[in-house]
Amino acid sequence: TSISRDTSKNQFTLQVRSVTPEDTAVYYCARRPASRSWGTSAG
């Protein structure tokens, strides 16, 4: 997995190499403030 960004476009990207059917999913991007916990959706 690689995550990168393009600040000029205000975008960030995800790359997952060598995918298999187990990678089938709904993929979300989301923002987390530093003050929130990592482990729950409430973060």
PDB file of all heavy atoms in Angstrom:
ATOM      1  N   THR A   1       0.827  -1.200   0.000  1.00  0.00           N
ATOM      2  CA  THR A   1       0.000   0.000   0.000  1.00  0.00           C
ATOM      3  C   THR A   1       0.862   1.251   0.000  1.00  0.00           C
ATOM      4  O   THR A   1       1.884   1.307   0.690  1.00  0.00           O
ATOM      5  CB  THR A   1      -0.934   0.020   1.217  1.00  0.00           C
ATOM      6  OG1 THR A   1      -1.755  -1.152   1.196  1.00  0.00           O
ATOM      7  CG2 THR A   1      -1.821   1.256   1.205  1.00  0.00           C
ATOM      8  N   SER A   2       0.442   2.226  -0.766  1.00  0.00           N
ATOM      9  CA  SER A   2       1.104   3.526  -0.789  1.00  0.00           C
ATOM     10  C   SER A   2       0.050   4.621  -0.745  1.00  0.00           C
ATOM     11  O   SER A   2      -0.968   4.533  -1.426  1.00  0.00           O
ATOM     12  CB  SER A   2       1.955   3.698  -2.040  1.00  0.00           C
ATOM     13  OG  SER A   2       3.006   2.757  -2.093  1.00  0.00           O
ATOM     14  N   ILE A   3       0.304   5.631   0.054  1.00  0.00           N
ATOM     15  CA  ILE A   3      -0.551   6.813   0.114  1.00  0.00           C
ATOM     16  C   ILE A   3       0.318   8.026  -0.168  1.00  0.00           C
ATOM     17  O   ILE A   3       1.381   8.195   0.429  1.00  0.00           O
ATOM     18  CB  ILE A   3      -1.255   6.946   1.470  1.00  0.00           C
ATOM     19  CG1 ILE A   3      -2.182   5.748   1.707  1.00  0.00           C
ATOM     20  CG2 ILE A   3      -2.052   8.251   1.548  1.00  0.00           C
ATOM     21  CD1 ILE A   3      -2.794   5.688   3.094  1.00  0.00           C
ATOM     22  N   SER A   4      -0.135   8.852  -1.066  1.00  0.00           N
ATOM     23  CA  SER A   4       0.597  10.054  -1.420  1.00  0.00           C
ATOM     24  C   SER A   4      -0.382  11.209  -1.568  1.00  0.00           C
ATOM     25  O   SER A   4      -1.596  11.035  -1.418  1.00  0.00           O
ATOM     26  CB  SER A   4       1.404   9.844  -2.707  1.00  0.00           C
ATOM     27  OG  SER A   4       0.555   9.475  -3.781  1.00  0.00           O
ATOM     28  N   ARG A   5       0.153  12.388  -1.851  1.00  0.00           N
ATOM     29  CA  ARG A   5      -0.725  13.539  -1.989  1.00  0.00           C
ATOM     30  C   ARG A   5      -0.212  14.496  -3.049  1.00  0.00           C
ATOM     31  O   ARG A   5       0.968  14.495  -3.402  1.00  0.00           O
ATOM     32  CB  ARG A   5      -0.874  14.271  -0.656  1.00  0.00           C
ATOM     33  CG  ARG A   5       0.394  14.966  -0.183  1.00  0.00           C
ATOM     34  CD  ARG A   5       0.171  15.655   1.155  1.00  0.00           C
ATOM     35  NE  ARG A   5       1.342  16.437   1.560  1.00  0.00           N
ATOM     36  CZ  ARG A   5       1.405  17.175   2.655  1.00  0.00           C
ATOM     37  NH1 ARG A   5       0.365  17.237   3.478  1.00  0.00           N
ATOM     38  NH2 ARG A   5       2.513  17.847   2.940  1.00  0.00           N
ATOM     39  N   ASP A   6      -1.136  15.303  -3.536  1.00  0.00           N
ATOM     40  CA  ASP A   6      -0.818  16.382  -4.458  1.00  0.00           C
ATOM     41  C   ASP A   6      -1.427  17.637  -3.847  1.00  0.00           C
ATOM     42  O   ASP A   6      -2.634  17.866  -3.961  1.00  0.00           O
ATOM     43  CB  ASP A   6      -1.386  16.096  -5.840  1.00  0.00           C
ATOM     44  CG  ASP A   6      -0.991  17.144  -6.866  1.00  0.00           C
ATOM     45  OD1 ASP A   6      -0.630  18.270  -6.487  1.00  0.00           O
ATOM     46  OD2 ASP A   6      -1.049  16.834  -8.073  1.00  0.00           O
ATOM     47  N   THR A   7      -0.613  18.414  -3.191  1.00  0.00           N
ATOM     48  CA  THR A   7      -1.140  19.574  -2.478  1.00  0.00           C
ATOM     49  C   THR A   7      -1.665  20.646  -3.426  1.00  0.00           C
ATOM     50  O   THR A   7      -2.557  21.409  -3.058  1.00  0.00           O
ATOM     51  CB  THR A   7      -0.079  20.172  -1.549  1.00  0.00           C
ATOM     52  OG1 THR A   7       1.083  20.533  -2.301  1.00  0.00           O
ATOM     53  CG2 THR A   7       0.318  19.167  -0.473  1.00  0.00           C
ATOM     54  N   SER A   8      -1.133  20.709  -4.637  1.00  0.00           N
ATOM     55  CA  SER A   8      -1.610  21.698  -5.592  1.00  0.00           C
ATOM     56  C   SER A   8      -3.042  21.432  -6.019  1.00  0.00           C
ATOM     57  O   SER A   8      -3.765  22.356  -6.397  1.00  0.00           O
ATOM     58  CB  SER A   8      -0.691  21.759  -6.810  1.00  0.00           C
ATOM     59  OG  SER A   8      -0.792  20.585  -7.595  1.00  0.00           O
ATOM     60  N   LYS A   9      -3.453  20.168  -5.961  1.00  0.00           N
ATOM     61  CA  LYS A   9      -4.819  19.782  -6.303  1.00  0.00           C
ATOM     62  C   LYS A   9      -5.670  19.495  -5.079  1.00  0.00           C
ATOM     63  O   LYS A   9      -6.859  19.183  -5.224  1.00  0.00           O
ATOM     64  CB  LYS A   9      -4.804  18.551  -7.201  1.00  0.00           C
ATOM     65  CG  LYS A   9      -4.120  18.765  -8.541  1.00  0.00           C
ATOM     66  CD  LYS A   9      -4.147  17.485  -9.366  1.00  0.00           C
ATOM     67  CE  LYS A   9      -3.473  17.682 -10.707  1.00  0.00           C
ATOM     68  NZ  LYS A   9      -3.477  16.429 -11.509  1.00  0.00           N
ATOM     69  N   ASN A  10      -5.078  19.569  -3.895  1.00  0.00           N
ATOM     70  CA  ASN A  10      -5.756  19.230  -2.653  1.00  0.00           C
ATOM     71  C   ASN A  10      -6.351  17.821  -2.719  1.00  0.00           C
ATOM     72  O   ASN A  10      -7.507  17.586  -2.367  1.00  0.00           O
ATOM     73  CB  ASN A  10      -6.836  20.258  -2.301  1.00  0.00           C
ATOM     74  CG  ASN A  10      -6.961  20.465  -0.804  1.00  0.00           C
ATOM     75  OD1 ASN A  10      -5.968  20.489  -0.084  1.00  0.00           O
ATOM     76  ND2 ASN A  10      -8.191  20.641  -0.329  1.00  0.00           N
ATOM     77  N   GLN A  11      -5.512  16.887  -3.157  1.00  0.00           N
ATOM     78  CA  GLN A  11      -5.914  15.503  -3.314  1.00  0.00           C
ATOM     79  C   GLN A  11      -4.920  14.590  -2.626  1.00  0.00           C
ATOM     80  O   GLN A  11      -3.728  14.908  -2.539  1.00  0.00           O
ATOM     81  CB  GLN A  11      -5.978  15.115  -4.789  1.00  0.00           C
ATOM     82  CG  GLN A  11      -7.026  15.845  -5.598  1.00  0.00           C
ATOM     83  CD  GLN A  11      -6.960  15.476  -7.063  1.00  0.00           C
ATOM     84  OE1 GLN A  11      -5.902  15.147  -7.591  1.00  0.00           O
ATOM     85  NE2 GLN A  11      -8.099  15.526  -7.735  1.00  0.00           N
ATOM     86  N   PHE A  12      -5.411  13.455  -2.163  1.00  0.00           N
ATOM     87  CA  PHE A  12      -4.514  12.393  -1.749  1.00  0.00           C
ATOM     88  C   PHE A  12      -4.974  11.084  -2.372  1.00  0.00           C
ATOM     89  O   PHE A  12      -6.148  10.907  -2.685  1.00  0.00           O
ATOM     90  CB  PHE A  12      -4.365  12.304  -0.220  1.00  0.00           C
ATOM     91  CG  PHE A  12      -5.620  11.996   0.554  1.00  0.00           C
ATOM     92  CD1 PHE A  12      -5.810  10.724   1.082  1.00  0.00           C
ATOM     93  CD2 PHE A  12      -6.572  12.966   0.799  1.00  0.00           C
ATOM     94  CE1 PHE A  12      -6.933  10.433   1.841  1.00  0.00           C
ATOM     95  CE2 PHE A  12      -7.701  12.689   1.556  1.00  0.00           C
ATOM     96  CZ  PHE A  12      -7.881  11.422   2.078  1.00  0.00           C
ATOM     97  N   THR A  13      -4.019  10.184  -2.567  1.00  0.00           N
ATOM     98  CA  THR A  13      -4.265   8.997  -3.364  1.00  0.00           C
ATOM     99  C   THR A  13      -3.925   7.732  -2.601  1.00  0.00           C
ATOM    100  O   THR A  13      -3.113   7.733  -1.673  1.00  0.00           O
ATOM    101  CB  THR A  13      -3.451   9.021  -4.667  1.00  0.00           C
ATOM    102  OG1 THR A  13      -2.051   9.027  -4.363  1.00  0.00           O
ATOM    103  CG2 THR A  13      -3.791  10.257  -5.484  1.00  0.00           C
ATOM    104  N   LEU A  14      -4.564   6.658  -3.007  1.00  0.00           N
ATOM    105  CA  LEU A  14      -4.320   5.327  -2.467  1.00  0.00           C
ATOM    106  C   LEU A  14      -3.928   4.404  -3.608  1.00  0.00           C
ATOM    107  O   LEU A  14      -4.583   4.398  -4.644  1.00  0.00           O
ATOM    108  CB  LEU A  14      -5.581   4.790  -1.787  1.00  0.00           C
ATOM    109  CG  LEU A  14      -5.565   3.312  -1.383  1.00  0.00           C
ATOM    110  CD1 LEU A  14      -4.660   3.102  -0.176  1.00  0.00           C
ATOM    111  CD2 LEU A  14      -6.986   2.828  -1.092  1.00  0.00           C
ATOM    112  N   GLN A  15      -2.882   3.626  -3.398  1.00  0.00           N
ATOM    113  CA  GLN A  15      -2.525   2.562  -4.311  1.00  0.00           C
ATOM    114  C   GLN A  15      -2.346   1.273  -3.527  1.00  0.00           C
ATOM    115  O   GLN A  15      -1.635   1.250  -2.519  1.00  0.00           O
ATOM    116  CB  GLN A  15      -1.246   2.881  -5.078  1.00  0.00           C
ATOM    117  CG  GLN A  15      -1.409   4.010  -6.088  1.00  0.00           C
ATOM    118  CD  GLN A  15      -0.208   4.142  -6.992  1.00  0.00           C
ATOM    119  OE1 GLN A  15       0.935   4.050  -6.530  1.00  0.00           O
ATOM    120  NE2 GLN A  15      -0.447   4.347  -8.274  1.00  0.00           N
ATOM    121  N   VAL A  16      -3.000   0.229  -3.980  1.00  0.00           N
ATOM    122  CA  VAL A  16      -2.848  -1.100  -3.410  1.00  0.00           C
ATOM    123  C   VAL A  16      -2.391  -2.015  -4.530  1.00  0.00           C
ATOM    124  O   VAL A  16      -3.114  -2.211  -5.513  1.00  0.00           O
ATOM    125  CB  VAL A  16      -4.152  -1.624  -2.791  1.00  0.00           C
ATOM    126  CG1 VAL A  16      -3.930  -2.999  -2.171  1.00  0.00           C
ATOM    127  CG2 VAL A  16      -4.677  -0.649  -1.746  1.00  0.00           C
ATOM    128  N   ARG A  17      -1.217  -2.562  -4.372  1.00  0.00           N
ATOM    129  CA  ARG A  17      -0.640  -3.417  -5.397  1.00  0.00           C
ATOM    130  C   ARG A  17      -1.053  -4.876  -5.222  1.00  0.00           C
ATOM    131  O   ARG A  17      -1.443  -5.301  -4.148  1.00  0.00           O
ATOM    132  CB  ARG A  17       0.889  -3.296  -5.369  1.00  0.00           C
ATOM    133  CG  ARG A  17       1.397  -1.901  -5.681  1.00  0.00           C
ATOM    134  CD  ARG A  17       2.908  -1.817  -5.546  1.00  0.00           C
ATOM    135  NE  ARG A  17       3.341  -1.963  -4.164  1.00  0.00           N
ATOM    136  CZ  ARG A  17       3.371  -0.973  -3.290  1.00  0.00           C
ATOM    137  NH1 ARG A  17       2.997   0.252  -3.648  1.00  0.00           N
ATOM    138  NH2 ARG A  17       3.785  -1.201  -2.051  1.00  0.00           N
ATOM    139  N   SER A  18      -0.944  -5.631  -6.295  1.00  0.00           N
ATOM    140  CA  SER A  18      -1.175  -7.076  -6.267  1.00  0.00           C
ATOM    141  C   SER A  18      -2.508  -7.435  -5.630  1.00  0.00           C
ATOM    142  O   SER A  18      -2.582  -8.270  -4.725  1.00  0.00           O
ATOM    143  CB  SER A  18      -0.018  -7.764  -5.535  1.00  0.00           C
ATOM    144  OG  SER A  18       1.221  -7.488  -6.154  1.00  0.00           O
ATOM    145  N   VAL A  19      -3.567  -6.829  -6.107  1.00  0.00           N
ATOM    146  CA  VAL A  19      -4.867  -7.034  -5.484  1.00  0.00           C
ATOM    147  C   VAL A  19      -5.418  -8.428  -5.777  1.00  0.00           C
ATOM    148  O   VAL A  19      -5.069  -9.066  -6.780  1.00  0.00           O
ATOM    149  CB  VAL A  19      -5.880  -5.965  -5.921  1.00  0.00           C
ATOM    150  CG1 VAL A  19      -5.410  -4.584  -5.491  1.00  0.00           C
ATOM    151  CG2 VAL A  19      -6.133  -6.022  -7.420  1.00  0.00           C
ATOM    152  N   THR A  20      -6.262  -8.881  -4.874  1.00  0.00           N
ATOM    153  CA  THR A  20      -6.989 -10.132  -5.001  1.00  0.00           C
ATOM    154  C   THR A  20      -8.465  -9.851  -4.773  1.00  0.00           C
ATOM    155  O   THR A  20      -8.846  -8.748  -4.361  1.00  0.00           O
ATOM    156  CB  THR A  20      -6.505 -11.166  -3.980  1.00  0.00           C
ATOM    157  OG1 THR A  20      -7.000 -10.827  -2.684  1.00  0.00           O
ATOM    158  CG2 THR A  20      -4.983 -11.230  -3.939  1.00  0.00           C
ATOM    159  N   PRO A  21      -9.333 -10.835  -5.015  1.00  0.00           N
ATOM    160  CA  PRO A  21     -10.757 -10.608  -4.713  1.00  0.00           C
ATOM    161  C   PRO A  21     -11.025 -10.224  -3.262  1.00  0.00           C
ATOM    162  O   PRO A  21     -12.069  -9.615  -2.987  1.00  0.00           O
ATOM    163  CB  PRO A  21     -11.393 -11.956  -5.071  1.00  0.00           C
ATOM    164  CG  PRO A  21     -10.525 -12.481  -6.158  1.00  0.00           C
ATOM    165  CD  PRO A  21      -9.129 -12.083  -5.766  1.00  0.00           C
ATOM    166  N   GLU A  22     -10.120 -10.554  -2.338  1.00  0.00           N
ATOM    167  CA  GLU A  22     -10.296 -10.160  -0.945  1.00  0.00           C
ATOM    168  C   GLU A  22     -10.197  -8.649  -0.746  1.00  0.00           C
ATOM    169  O   GLU A  22     -10.570  -8.144   0.317  1.00  0.00           O
ATOM    170  CB  GLU A  22      -9.266 -10.866  -0.056  1.00  0.00           C
ATOM    171  CG  GLU A  22      -9.400 -12.385  -0.035  1.00  0.00           C
ATOM    172  CD  GLU A  22     -10.745 -12.833   0.485  1.00  0.00           C
ATOM    173  OE1 GLU A  22     -11.178 -12.330   1.542  1.00  0.00           O
ATOM    174  OE2 GLU A  22     -11.376 -13.690  -0.169  1.00  0.00           O
ATOM    175  N   ASP A  23      -9.706  -7.943  -1.732  1.00  0.00           N
ATOM    176  CA  ASP A  23      -9.636  -6.490  -1.670  1.00  0.00           C
ATOM    177  C   ASP A  23     -10.922  -5.816  -2.140  1.00  0.00           C
ATOM    178  O   ASP A  23     -11.023  -4.585  -2.104  1.00  0.00           O
ATOM    179  CB  ASP A  23      -8.457  -5.980  -2.496  1.00  0.00           C
ATOM    180  CG  ASP A  23      -7.119  -6.398  -1.915  1.00  0.00           C
ATOM    181  OD1 ASP A  23      -6.900  -6.128  -0.714  1.00  0.00           O
ATOM    182  OD2 ASP A  23      -6.305  -6.993  -2.651  1.00  0.00           O
ATOM    183  N   THR A  24     -11.887  -6.592  -2.593  1.00  0.00           N
ATOM    184  CA  THR A  24     -13.181  -6.034  -2.966  1.00  0.00           C
ATOM    185  C   THR A  24     -13.840  -5.396  -1.748  1.00  0.00           C
ATOM    186  O   THR A  24     -13.969  -6.027  -0.695  1.00  0.00           O
ATOM    187  CB  THR A  24     -14.090  -7.124  -3.541  1.00  0.00           C
ATOM    188  OG1 THR A  24     -13.546  -7.599  -4.776  1.00  0.00           O
ATOM    189  CG2 THR A  24     -15.493  -6.591  -3.799  1.00  0.00           C
ATOM    190  N   ALA A  25     -14.246  -4.145  -1.877  1.00  0.00           N
ATOM    191  CA  ALA A  25     -14.804  -3.417  -0.744  1.00  0.00           C
ATOM    192  C   ALA A  25     -15.338  -2.077  -1.214  1.00  0.00           C
ATOM    193  O   ALA A  25     -15.082  -1.644  -2.340  1.00  0.00           O
ATOM    194  CB  ALA A  25     -13.739  -3.189   0.335  1.00  0.00           C
ATOM    195  N   VAL A  26     -16.066  -1.425  -0.316  1.00  0.00           N
ATOM    196  CA  VAL A  26     -16.341  -0.011  -0.474  1.00  0.00           C
ATOM    197  C   VAL A  26     -15.187   0.745   0.173  1.00  0.00           C
ATOM    198  O   VAL A  26     -14.849   0.490   1.333  1.00  0.00           O
ATOM    199  CB  VAL A  26     -17.682   0.391   0.166  1.00  0.00           C
ATOM    200  CG1 VAL A  26     -17.903   1.895   0.051  1.00  0.00           C
ATOM    201  CG2 VAL A  26     -18.827  -0.363  -0.493  1.00  0.00           C
ATOM    202  N   TYR A  27     -14.600   1.641  -0.555  1.00  0.00           N
ATOM    203  CA  TYR A  27     -13.451   2.398  -0.089  1.00  0.00           C
ATOM    204  C   TYR A  27     -13.868   3.827   0.236  1.00  0.00           C
ATOM    205  O   TYR A  27     -14.536   4.484  -0.567  1.00  0.00           O
ATOM    206  CB  TYR A  27     -12.347   2.405  -1.145  1.00  0.00           C
ATOM    207  CG  TYR A  27     -11.611   1.093  -1.239  1.00  0.00           C
ATOM    208  CD1 TYR A  27     -12.197  -0.008  -1.854  1.00  0.00           C
ATOM    209  CD2 TYR A  27     -10.331   0.949  -0.710  1.00  0.00           C
ATOM    210  CE1 TYR A  27     -11.533  -1.224  -1.927  1.00  0.00           C
ATOM    211  CE2 TYR A  27      -9.660  -0.254  -0.785  1.00  0.00           C
ATOM    212  CZ  TYR A  27     -10.268  -1.339  -1.392  1.00  0.00           C
ATOM    213  OH  TYR A  27      -9.598  -2.546  -1.464  1.00  0.00           O
ATOM    214  N   TYR A  28     -13.457   4.277   1.404  1.00  0.00           N
ATOM    215  CA  TYR A  28     -13.778   5.615   1.879  1.00  0.00           C
ATOM    216  C   TYR A  28     -12.513   6.408   2.145  1.00  0.00           C
ATOM    217  O   TYR A  28     -11.509   5.858   2.599  1.00  0.00           O
ATOM    218  CB  TYR A  28     -14.548   5.568   3.202  1.00  0.00           C
ATOM    219  CG  TYR A  28     -15.859   4.840   3.178  1.00  0.00           C
ATOM    220  CD1 TYR A  28     -15.929   3.491   3.483  1.00  0.00           C
ATOM    221  CD2 TYR A  28     -17.036   5.521   2.878  1.00  0.00           C
ATOM    222  CE1 TYR A  28     -17.140   2.818   3.489  1.00  0.00           C
ATOM    223  CE2 TYR A  28     -18.251   4.861   2.882  1.00  0.00           C
ATOM    224  CZ  TYR A  28     -18.290   3.508   3.194  1.00  0.00           C
ATOM    225  OH  TYR A  28     -19.502   2.858   3.203  1.00  0.00           O
ATOM    226  N   CYS A  29     -12.578   7.697   1.914  1.00  0.00           N
ATOM    227  CA  CYS A  29     -11.599   8.591   2.491  1.00  0.00           C
ATOM    228  C   CYS A  29     -12.281   9.390   3.598  1.00  0.00           C
ATOM    229  O   CYS A  29     -13.489   9.622   3.567  1.00  0.00           O
ATOM    230  CB  CYS A  29     -10.948   9.511   1.452  1.00  0.00           C
ATOM    231  SG  CYS A  29     -12.044  10.480   0.395  1.00  0.00           S
ATOM    232  N   ALA A  30     -11.507   9.766   4.607  1.00  0.00           N
ATOM    233  CA  ALA A  30     -12.065  10.427   5.774  1.00  0.00           C
ATOM    234  C   ALA A  30     -10.993  11.241   6.488  1.00  0.00           C
ATOM    235  O   ALA A  30      -9.809  10.915   6.417  1.00  0.00           O
ATOM    236  CB  ALA A  30     -12.668   9.409   6.744  1.00  0.00           C
ATOM    237  N   ARG A  31     -11.425  12.267   7.192  1.00  0.00           N
ATOM    238  CA  ARG A  31     -10.521  13.114   7.952  1.00  0.00           C
ATOM    239  C   ARG A  31     -10.590  12.782   9.432  1.00  0.00           C
ATOM    240  O   ARG A  31     -11.679  12.546   9.970  1.00  0.00           O
ATOM    241  CB  ARG A  31     -10.876  14.591   7.745  1.00  0.00           C
ATOM    242  CG  ARG A  31      -9.851  15.542   8.331  1.00  0.00           C
ATOM    243  CD  ARG A  31     -10.223  16.992   8.103  1.00  0.00           C
ATOM    244  NE  ARG A  31     -11.185  17.462   9.084  1.00  0.00           N
ATOM    245  CZ  ARG A  31     -11.460  18.754   9.305  1.00  0.00           C
ATOM    246  NH1 ARG A  31     -10.836  19.684   8.568  1.00  0.00           N
ATOM    247  NH2 ARG A  31     -12.349  19.100  10.208  1.00  0.00           N
ATOM    248  N   ARG A  32      -9.443  12.763  10.087  1.00  0.00           N
ATOM    249  CA  ARG A  32      -9.392  12.561  11.526  1.00  0.00           C
ATOM    250  C   ARG A  32      -8.571  13.669  12.173  1.00  0.00           C
ATOM    251  O   ARG A  32      -7.399  13.845  11.830  1.00  0.00           O
ATOM    252  CB  ARG A  32      -8.791  11.203  11.891  1.00  0.00           C
ATOM    253  CG  ARG A  32      -8.814  10.920  13.402  1.00  0.00           C
ATOM    254  CD  ARG A  32      -8.151   9.593  13.749  1.00  0.00           C
ATOM    255  NE  ARG A  32      -6.719   9.617  13.518  1.00  0.00           N
ATOM    256  CZ  ARG A  32      -5.823  10.133  14.359  1.00  0.00           C
ATOM    257  NH1 ARG A  32      -6.227  10.679  15.500  1.00  0.00           N
ATOM    258  NH2 ARG A  32      -4.540  10.097  14.062  1.00  0.00           N
ATOM    259  N   PRO A  33      -9.146  14.409  13.107  1.00  0.00           N
ATOM    260  CA  PRO A  33      -8.337  15.357  13.880  1.00  0.00           C
ATOM    261  C   PRO A  33      -7.324  14.612  14.741  1.00  0.00           C
ATOM    262  O   PRO A  33      -7.579  13.497  15.202  1.00  0.00           O
ATOM    263  CB  PRO A  33      -9.376  16.076  14.751  1.00  0.00           C
ATOM    264  CG  PRO A  33     -10.688  15.837  14.076  1.00  0.00           C
ATOM    265  CD  PRO A  33     -10.566  14.479  13.446  1.00  0.00           C
ATOM    266  N   ALA A  34      -6.194  15.229  14.975  1.00  0.00           N
ATOM    267  CA  ALA A  34      -5.157  14.594  15.779  1.00  0.00           C
ATOM    268  C   ALA A  34      -5.624  14.271  17.186  1.00  0.00           C
ATOM    269  O   ALA A  34      -5.105  13.341  17.817  1.00  0.00           O
ATOM    270  CB  ALA A  34      -3.919  15.487  15.827  1.00  0.00           C
ATOM    271  N   SER A  35      -6.586  15.008  17.696  1.00  0.00           N
ATOM    272  CA  SER A  35      -7.077  14.794  19.045  1.00  0.00           C
ATOM    273  C   SER A  35      -8.008  13.589  19.181  1.00  0.00           C
ATOM    274  O   SER A  35      -8.323  13.185  20.300  1.00  0.00           O
ATOM    275  CB  SER A  35      -7.807  16.039  19.539  1.00  0.00           C
ATOM    276  OG  SER A  35      -8.908  16.336  18.711  1.00  0.00           O
ATOM    277  N   ARG A  36      -8.455  13.015  18.093  1.00  0.00           N
ATOM    278  CA  ARG A  36      -9.372  11.878  18.118  1.00  0.00           C
ATOM    279  C   ARG A  36      -8.619  10.561  18.120  1.00  0.00           C
ATOM    280  O   ARG A  36      -7.472  10.478  17.682  1.00  0.00           O
ATOM    281  CB  ARG A  36     -10.317  11.916  16.915  1.00  0.00           C
ATOM    282  CG  ARG A  36     -11.097  13.203  16.765  1.00  0.00           C
ATOM    283  CD  ARG A  36     -12.294  13.262  17.681  1.00  0.00           C
ATOM    284  NE  ARG A  36     -13.137  14.414  17.361  1.00  0.00           N
ATOM    285  CZ  ARG A  36     -14.144  14.401  16.495  1.00  0.00           C
ATOM    286  NH1 ARG A  36     -14.462  13.281  15.858  1.00  0.00           N
ATOM    287  NH2 ARG A  36     -14.845  15.496  16.263  1.00  0.00           N
ATOM    288  N   SER A  37      -9.300   9.504  18.574  1.00  0.00           N
ATOM    289  CA  SER A  37      -8.691   8.190  18.606  1.00  0.00           C
ATOM    290  C   SER A  37      -8.632   7.573  17.212  1.00  0.00           C
ATOM    291  O   SER A  37      -9.423   7.902  16.331  1.00  0.00           O
ATOM    292  CB  SER A  37      -9.465   7.275  19.553  1.00  0.00           C
ATOM    293  OG  SER A  37     -10.778   7.056  19.076  1.00  0.00           O
ATOM    294  N   TRP A  38      -7.685   6.638  17.049  1.00  0.00           N
ATOM    295  CA  TRP A  38      -7.492   5.981  15.760  1.00  0.00           C
ATOM    296  C   TRP A  38      -8.466   4.850  15.503  1.00  0.00           C
ATOM    297  O   TRP A  38      -8.798   4.557  14.360  1.00  0.00           O
ATOM    298  CB  TRP A  38      -6.074   5.390  15.685  1.00  0.00           C
ATOM    299  CG  TRP A  38      -4.975   6.376  15.558  1.00  0.00           C
ATOM    300  CD1 TRP A  38      -4.346   7.048  16.566  1.00  0.00           C
ATOM    301  CD2 TRP A  38      -4.337   6.783  14.343  1.00  0.00           C
ATOM    302  NE1 TRP A  38      -3.362   7.857  16.066  1.00  0.00           N
ATOM    303  CE2 TRP A  38      -3.334   7.709  14.692  1.00  0.00           C
ATOM    304  CE3 TRP A  38      -4.521   6.447  12.995  1.00  0.00           C
ATOM    305  CZ2 TRP A  38      -2.509   8.309  13.750  1.00  0.00           C
ATOM    306  CZ3 TRP A  38      -3.709   7.044  12.046  1.00  0.00           C
ATOM    307  CH2 TRP A  38      -2.716   7.965  12.433  1.00  0.00           C
ATOM    308  N   GLY A  39      -8.936   4.187  16.542  1.00  0.00           N
ATOM    309  CA  GLY A  39      -9.540   2.870  16.401  1.00  0.00           C
ATOM    310  C   GLY A  39     -11.028   2.780  16.166  1.00  0.00           C
ATOM    311  O   GLY A  39     -11.540   1.675  15.999  1.00  0.00           O
ATOM    312  N   THR A  40     -11.744   3.887  16.133  1.00  0.00           N
ATOM    313  CA  THR A  40     -13.193   3.841  15.975  1.00  0.00           C
ATOM    314  C   THR A  40     -13.641   4.801  14.887  1.00  0.00           C
ATOM    315  O   THR A  40     -12.959   5.776  14.572  1.00  0.00           O
ATOM    316  CB  THR A  40     -13.919   4.188  17.278  1.00  0.00           C
ATOM    317  OG1 THR A  40     -13.700   5.569  17.594  1.00  0.00           O
ATOM    318  CG2 THR A  40     -13.415   3.330  18.437  1.00  0.00           C
ATOM    319  N   SER A  41     -14.814   4.517  14.337  1.00  0.00           N
ATOM    320  CA  SER A  41     -15.369   5.391  13.314  1.00  0.00           C
ATOM    321  C   SER A  41     -15.688   6.776  13.857  1.00  0.00           C
ATOM    322  O   SER A  41     -15.729   7.742  13.093  1.00  0.00           O
ATOM    323  CB  SER A  41     -16.615   4.764  12.697  1.00  0.00           C
ATOM    324  OG  SER A  41     -17.621   4.556  13.679  1.00  0.00           O
ATOM    325  N   ALA A  42     -15.907   6.871  15.163  1.00  0.00           N
ATOM    326  CA  ALA A  42     -16.187   8.157  15.782  1.00  0.00           C
ATOM    327  C   ALA A  42     -14.993   9.094  15.741  1.00  0.00           C
ATOM    328  O   ALA A  42     -15.140  10.287  15.996  1.00  0.00           O
ATOM    329  CB  ALA A  42     -16.641   7.959  17.226  1.00  0.00           C
ATOM    330  N   GLY A  43     -13.825   8.570  15.446  1.00  0.00           N
ATOM    331  CA  GLY A  43     -12.646   9.400  15.358  1.00  0.00           C
ATOM    332  C   GLY A  43     -12.564  10.275  14.122  1.00  0.00           C
ATOM    333  O   GLY A  43     -11.709  11.155  14.051  1.00  0.00           O
TER     334      GLY A  43
END
